[in-house]
Amino acid sequence: MSSRKLLIDPFNPQPELILKAAGLIKKGGVVLFPTRCLYGLGADAFNPEAVDKVFRIKQRPYNKPVSVLIKDTNDLHILVKHVPSTAKCIMDYFWPGQITIVFEAYACRNIL
């Protein structure tokens, strides 16, 4: 597995480097990015090979779930079994925004 390091200035992000990272994700690659406290791995959650890479990199068993960030509720309905009405109210009020909601997901292998 090859890797390259592209440093993006957090105060003046270079659009061309962000586009490179996005292109890598679209091709099934994985990117590492800083968060407030830790580092995250970015990959296409709808690409089984990319998901496998994330689990291999993290040396994580497949029965231990990972977080998935989504762009809108259309992606949510593909990933989760049920959206409670209270969660819908919270999403309608706060999304997009800095809020985390945890749902019971379909088994990854069943949806991909």
N, C-alpha and C. Protein backbone atom coordinates (compact mmCIF):
# COMPACT_ATOMS: atom_id res chain seq x y z
N MET A 1 0.85 -1.17 0.00
CA MET A 1 0.00 0.00 0.00
C MET A 1 0.90 1.23 0.00
N SER A 2 0.76 2.09 -0.98
CA SER A 2 1.59 3.28 -1.06
C SER A 2 0.93 4.45 -0.35
N SER A 3 1.75 5.40 0.06
CA SER A 3 1.18 6.59 0.71
C SER A 3 1.99 7.81 0.29
N ARG A 4 1.30 8.94 0.30
CA ARG A 4 1.92 10.24 0.02
C ARG A 4 1.42 11.21 1.05
N LYS A 5 2.22 12.19 1.35
CA LYS A 5 1.84 13.19 2.34
C LYS A 5 1.65 14.53 1.63
N LEU A 6 0.43 15.06 1.73
CA LEU A 6 0.11 16.39 1.21
C LEU A 6 -0.31 17.24 2.39
N LEU A 7 0.43 18.27 2.67
CA LEU A 7 0.09 19.13 3.80
C LEU A 7 -0.77 20.28 3.32
N ILE A 8 -1.91 20.44 3.94
CA ILE A 8 -2.84 21.51 3.58
C ILE A 8 -2.85 22.52 4.71
N ASP A 9 -2.62 23.77 4.37
CA ASP A 9 -2.61 24.86 5.34
C ASP A 9 -4.03 25.07 5.86
N PRO A 10 -4.28 24.86 7.17
CA PRO A 10 -5.65 25.00 7.68
C PRO A 10 -6.17 26.43 7.64
N PHE A 11 -5.26 27.41 7.56
CA PHE A 11 -5.69 28.82 7.54
C PHE A 11 -5.83 29.35 6.12
N ASN A 12 -5.21 28.68 5.18
CA ASN A 12 -5.30 29.08 3.78
C ASN A 12 -5.27 27.80 2.92
N PRO A 13 -6.36 27.00 2.99
CA PRO A 13 -6.36 25.71 2.29
C PRO A 13 -6.20 25.89 0.78
N GLN A 14 -5.35 25.07 0.21
CA GLN A 14 -5.10 25.11 -1.22
C GLN A 14 -6.15 24.25 -1.93
N PRO A 15 -7.03 24.87 -2.71
CA PRO A 15 -8.11 24.12 -3.37
C PRO A 15 -7.61 22.94 -4.19
N GLU A 16 -6.46 23.08 -4.85
CA GLU A 16 -5.97 21.99 -5.69
C GLU A 16 -5.60 20.76 -4.86
N LEU A 17 -5.11 20.94 -3.64
CA LEU A 17 -4.79 19.80 -2.78
C LEU A 17 -6.05 19.14 -2.24
N ILE A 18 -7.05 19.94 -1.94
CA ILE A 18 -8.33 19.39 -1.48
C ILE A 18 -8.98 18.58 -2.61
N LEU A 19 -8.89 19.10 -3.83
CA LEU A 19 -9.42 18.36 -4.98
C LEU A 19 -8.66 17.05 -5.20
N LYS A 20 -7.34 17.05 -4.96
CA LYS A 20 -6.56 15.82 -5.08
C LYS A 20 -7.03 14.79 -4.05
N ALA A 21 -7.22 15.24 -2.82
CA ALA A 21 -7.69 14.33 -1.76
C ALA A 21 -9.07 13.79 -2.10
N ALA A 22 -9.96 14.65 -2.58
CA ALA A 22 -11.31 14.21 -2.96
C ALA A 22 -11.24 13.21 -4.11
N GLY A 23 -10.37 13.45 -5.07
CA GLY A 23 -10.19 12.52 -6.19
C GLY A 23 -9.68 11.17 -5.73
N LEU A 24 -8.79 11.18 -4.77
CA LEU A 24 -8.27 9.93 -4.21
C LEU A 24 -9.38 9.14 -3.55
N ILE A 25 -10.24 9.82 -2.80
CA ILE A 25 -11.37 9.15 -2.14
C ILE A 25 -12.32 8.58 -3.20
N LYS A 26 -12.60 9.34 -4.24
CA LYS A 26 -13.50 8.87 -5.30
C LYS A 26 -12.95 7.63 -6.00
N LYS A 27 -11.62 7.47 -6.02
CA LYS A 27 -10.99 6.31 -6.65
C LYS A 27 -10.82 5.14 -5.69
N GLY A 28 -11.39 5.25 -4.49
CA GLY A 28 -11.30 4.15 -3.53
C GLY A 28 -10.15 4.28 -2.56
N GLY A 29 -9.49 5.42 -2.56
CA GLY A 29 -8.37 5.64 -1.64
C GLY A 29 -8.84 6.09 -0.27
N VAL A 30 -7.88 6.25 0.62
CA VAL A 30 -8.14 6.68 1.99
C VAL A 30 -7.25 7.87 2.29
N VAL A 31 -7.81 8.89 2.94
CA VAL A 31 -7.01 10.05 3.35
C VAL A 31 -7.05 10.17 4.87
N LEU A 32 -6.00 10.73 5.41
CA LEU A 32 -5.88 10.99 6.85
C LEU A 32 -6.05 12.48 7.05
N PHE A 33 -6.87 12.87 8.03
CA PHE A 33 -7.08 14.29 8.27
C PHE A 33 -7.20 14.56 9.76
N PRO A 34 -6.73 15.73 10.20
CA PRO A 34 -6.83 16.06 11.63
C PRO A 34 -8.25 16.49 11.99
N THR A 35 -8.66 16.15 13.19
CA THR A 35 -9.91 16.65 13.76
C THR A 35 -9.54 17.44 15.00
N ARG A 36 -10.50 17.82 15.78
CA ARG A 36 -10.23 18.62 16.96
C ARG A 36 -9.29 17.91 17.94
N CYS A 37 -9.47 16.61 18.09
CA CYS A 37 -8.70 15.87 19.10
C CYS A 37 -7.82 14.76 18.53
N LEU A 38 -8.22 14.17 17.44
CA LEU A 38 -7.55 12.99 16.88
C LEU A 38 -7.35 13.17 15.39
N TYR A 39 -6.97 12.10 14.75
CA TYR A 39 -6.94 12.08 13.30
C TYR A 39 -8.05 11.17 12.82
N GLY A 40 -8.62 11.49 11.66
CA GLY A 40 -9.67 10.68 11.07
C GLY A 40 -9.20 10.09 9.76
N LEU A 41 -9.85 9.02 9.36
CA LEU A 41 -9.60 8.44 8.04
C LEU A 41 -10.80 8.74 7.17
N GLY A 42 -10.56 9.26 6.00
CA GLY A 42 -11.64 9.58 5.07
C GLY A 42 -11.63 8.61 3.90
N ALA A 43 -12.79 8.04 3.62
CA ALA A 43 -12.94 7.10 2.50
C ALA A 43 -14.40 7.12 2.07
N ASP A 44 -14.67 6.54 0.92
CA ASP A 44 -16.03 6.47 0.40
C ASP A 44 -16.75 5.32 1.11
N ALA A 45 -17.71 5.65 1.97
CA ALA A 45 -18.43 4.64 2.75
C ALA A 45 -19.30 3.74 1.88
N PHE A 46 -19.51 4.12 0.62
CA PHE A 46 -20.33 3.32 -0.29
C PHE A 46 -19.47 2.45 -1.22
N ASN A 47 -18.16 2.45 -0.99
CA ASN A 47 -17.23 1.66 -1.78
C ASN A 47 -16.67 0.55 -0.89
N PRO A 48 -17.07 -0.71 -1.12
CA PRO A 48 -16.64 -1.81 -0.24
C PRO A 48 -15.13 -1.95 -0.11
N GLU A 49 -14.39 -1.74 -1.21
CA GLU A 49 -12.93 -1.85 -1.14
C GLU A 49 -12.34 -0.75 -0.25
N ALA A 50 -12.89 0.46 -0.35
CA ALA A 50 -12.41 1.57 0.49
C ALA A 50 -12.72 1.30 1.96
N VAL A 51 -13.89 0.77 2.23
CA VAL A 51 -14.27 0.44 3.61
C VAL A 51 -13.33 -0.64 4.15
N ASP A 52 -13.02 -1.64 3.34
CA ASP A 52 -12.07 -2.68 3.75
C ASP A 52 -10.71 -2.07 4.09
N LYS A 53 -10.26 -1.11 3.28
CA LYS A 53 -8.97 -0.45 3.54
C LYS A 53 -8.99 0.23 4.90
N VAL A 54 -10.08 0.92 5.22
CA VAL A 54 -10.17 1.61 6.51
C VAL A 54 -10.05 0.60 7.65
N PHE A 55 -10.77 -0.50 7.55
CA PHE A 55 -10.71 -1.51 8.62
C PHE A 55 -9.31 -2.12 8.72
N ARG A 56 -8.65 -2.34 7.58
CA ARG A 56 -7.29 -2.90 7.62
C ARG A 56 -6.31 -1.90 8.22
N ILE A 57 -6.39 -0.64 7.81
CA ILE A 57 -5.48 0.39 8.34
C ILE A 57 -5.65 0.52 9.85
N LYS A 58 -6.90 0.54 10.29
CA LYS A 58 -7.17 0.69 11.73
C LYS A 58 -6.96 -0.61 12.50
N GLN A 59 -6.75 -1.72 11.77
CA GLN A 59 -6.65 -3.05 12.38
C GLN A 59 -7.87 -3.27 13.29
N ARG A 60 -9.01 -2.96 12.72
CA ARG A 60 -10.27 -2.99 13.46
C ARG A 60 -11.11 -4.18 13.02
N PRO A 61 -11.67 -4.93 13.96
CA PRO A 61 -12.54 -6.04 13.56
C PRO A 61 -13.80 -5.50 12.89
N TYR A 62 -14.33 -6.28 11.94
CA TYR A 62 -15.50 -5.83 11.18
C TYR A 62 -16.75 -5.73 12.04
N ASN A 63 -16.78 -6.37 13.19
CA ASN A 63 -17.97 -6.27 14.03
C ASN A 63 -17.93 -5.04 14.95
N LYS A 64 -16.88 -4.23 14.84
CA LYS A 64 -16.77 -2.99 15.60
C LYS A 64 -16.98 -1.83 14.62
N PRO A 65 -18.12 -1.15 14.70
CA PRO A 65 -18.46 -0.16 13.67
C PRO A 65 -17.56 1.08 13.67
N VAL A 66 -17.60 1.79 12.56
CA VAL A 66 -16.90 3.07 12.41
C VAL A 66 -17.93 4.16 12.14
N SER A 67 -17.54 5.38 12.37
CA SER A 67 -18.42 6.52 12.09
C SER A 67 -18.46 6.81 10.60
N VAL A 68 -19.61 7.27 10.13
CA VAL A 68 -19.77 7.67 8.75
C VAL A 68 -20.36 9.08 8.75
N LEU A 69 -19.67 10.00 8.09
CA LEU A 69 -20.19 11.36 7.92
C LEU A 69 -20.93 11.42 6.60
N ILE A 70 -22.09 12.04 6.60
CA ILE A 70 -22.90 12.11 5.38
C ILE A 70 -23.21 13.55 5.02
N LYS A 71 -23.57 13.76 3.75
CA LYS A 71 -23.85 15.12 3.30
C LYS A 71 -25.30 15.53 3.48
N ASP A 72 -26.22 14.56 3.45
CA ASP A 72 -27.63 14.90 3.63
C ASP A 72 -28.43 13.65 4.01
N THR A 73 -29.71 13.85 4.26
CA THR A 73 -30.55 12.75 4.73
C THR A 73 -30.77 11.65 3.68
N ASN A 74 -30.53 11.95 2.41
CA ASN A 74 -30.64 10.90 1.39
C ASN A 74 -29.65 9.77 1.68
N ASP A 75 -28.43 10.13 2.06
CA ASP A 75 -27.44 9.11 2.41
C ASP A 75 -27.83 8.39 3.69
N LEU A 76 -28.44 9.09 4.61
CA LEU A 76 -28.84 8.49 5.88
C LEU A 76 -29.79 7.31 5.67
N HIS A 77 -30.76 7.47 4.82
CA HIS A 77 -31.76 6.42 4.62
C HIS A 77 -31.19 5.18 3.96
N ILE A 78 -30.06 5.32 3.28
CA ILE A 78 -29.38 4.16 2.70
C ILE A 78 -28.61 3.40 3.77
N LEU A 79 -28.17 4.09 4.81
CA LEU A 79 -27.26 3.51 5.79
C LEU A 79 -27.93 2.97 7.05
N VAL A 80 -29.08 3.55 7.44
CA VAL A 80 -29.65 3.18 8.74
C VAL A 80 -30.99 2.48 8.60
N LYS A 81 -31.31 1.68 9.61
CA LYS A 81 -32.54 0.89 9.61
C LYS A 81 -33.77 1.74 9.89
N HIS A 82 -33.65 2.72 10.79
CA HIS A 82 -34.82 3.49 11.22
C HIS A 82 -34.37 4.88 11.67
N VAL A 83 -35.13 5.90 11.30
CA VAL A 83 -34.88 7.27 11.75
C VAL A 83 -36.04 7.67 12.66
N PRO A 84 -35.80 7.71 13.97
CA PRO A 84 -36.88 8.09 14.89
C PRO A 84 -37.35 9.53 14.62
N SER A 85 -38.59 9.80 14.94
CA SER A 85 -39.15 11.14 14.69
C SER A 85 -38.39 12.21 15.48
N THR A 86 -37.91 11.89 16.67
CA THR A 86 -37.14 12.88 17.44
C THR A 86 -35.83 13.21 16.72
N ALA A 87 -35.20 12.21 16.12
CA ALA A 87 -33.97 12.47 15.36
C ALA A 87 -34.26 13.34 14.16
N LYS A 88 -35.40 13.10 13.50
CA LYS A 88 -35.79 13.91 12.35
C LYS A 88 -35.96 15.37 12.76
N CYS A 89 -36.59 15.62 13.89
CA CYS A 89 -36.76 17.00 14.39
C CYS A 89 -35.40 17.65 14.65
N ILE A 90 -34.50 16.91 15.27
CA ILE A 90 -33.16 17.44 15.56
C ILE A 90 -32.42 17.76 14.26
N MET A 91 -32.50 16.85 13.28
CA MET A 91 -31.83 17.08 12.00
C MET A 91 -32.43 18.29 11.28
N ASP A 92 -33.74 18.40 11.27
CA ASP A 92 -34.39 19.54 10.61
C ASP A 92 -33.96 20.86 11.22
N TYR A 93 -33.76 20.86 12.52
CA TYR A 93 -33.41 22.11 13.22
C TYR A 93 -31.91 22.43 13.13
N PHE A 94 -31.05 21.41 13.30
CA PHE A 94 -29.62 21.68 13.45
C PHE A 94 -28.78 21.42 12.20
N TRP A 95 -29.24 20.57 11.27
CA TRP A 95 -28.40 20.25 10.11
C TRP A 95 -28.54 21.30 9.04
N PRO A 96 -27.50 21.65 8.32
CA PRO A 96 -26.13 21.22 8.61
C PRO A 96 -25.61 21.94 9.85
N GLY A 97 -24.83 21.24 10.59
CA GLY A 97 -24.27 21.81 11.80
C GLY A 97 -23.46 20.79 12.56
N GLN A 98 -22.91 21.24 13.67
CA GLN A 98 -22.02 20.41 14.46
C GLN A 98 -22.82 19.60 15.47
N ILE A 99 -23.42 18.54 15.00
CA ILE A 99 -24.18 17.66 15.88
C ILE A 99 -23.97 16.23 15.40
N THR A 100 -23.88 15.33 16.34
CA THR A 100 -23.71 13.92 16.03
C THR A 100 -24.95 13.17 16.49
N ILE A 101 -25.49 12.35 15.62
CA ILE A 101 -26.63 11.51 15.96
C ILE A 101 -26.22 10.07 15.65
N VAL A 102 -26.47 9.18 16.56
CA VAL A 102 -26.10 7.78 16.38
C VAL A 102 -27.34 6.98 16.05
N PHE A 103 -27.25 6.19 14.97
CA PHE A 103 -28.35 5.34 14.51
C PHE A 103 -27.88 3.90 14.43
N GLU A 104 -28.83 2.98 14.42
CA GLU A 104 -28.50 1.59 14.14
C GLU A 104 -28.35 1.45 12.63
N ALA A 105 -27.20 0.99 12.21
CA ALA A 105 -26.90 0.89 10.78
C ALA A 105 -27.22 -0.49 10.25
N TYR A 106 -27.47 -0.53 8.94
CA TYR A 106 -27.50 -1.81 8.27
C TYR A 106 -26.10 -2.39 8.34
N ALA A 107 -25.96 -3.69 8.28
CA ALA A 107 -24.63 -4.29 8.19
C ALA A 107 -24.00 -3.82 6.90
N CYS A 108 -22.79 -3.36 6.98
CA CYS A 108 -22.09 -2.77 5.82
C CYS A 108 -22.10 -3.71 4.62
N ARG A 109 -21.87 -4.96 4.82
CA ARG A 109 -21.80 -5.91 3.72
C ARG A 109 -23.17 -6.09 3.05
N ASN A 110 -24.26 -5.80 3.76
CA ASN A 110 -25.59 -5.97 3.19
C ASN A 110 -26.00 -4.85 2.26
N ILE A 111 -25.44 -3.66 2.44
CA ILE A 111 -25.88 -2.52 1.63
C ILE A 111 -24.93 -2.22 0.48
N LEU A 112 -23.73 -2.73 0.54
CA LEU A 112 -22.75 -2.37 -0.49
C LEU A 112 -22.65 -3.39 -1.57
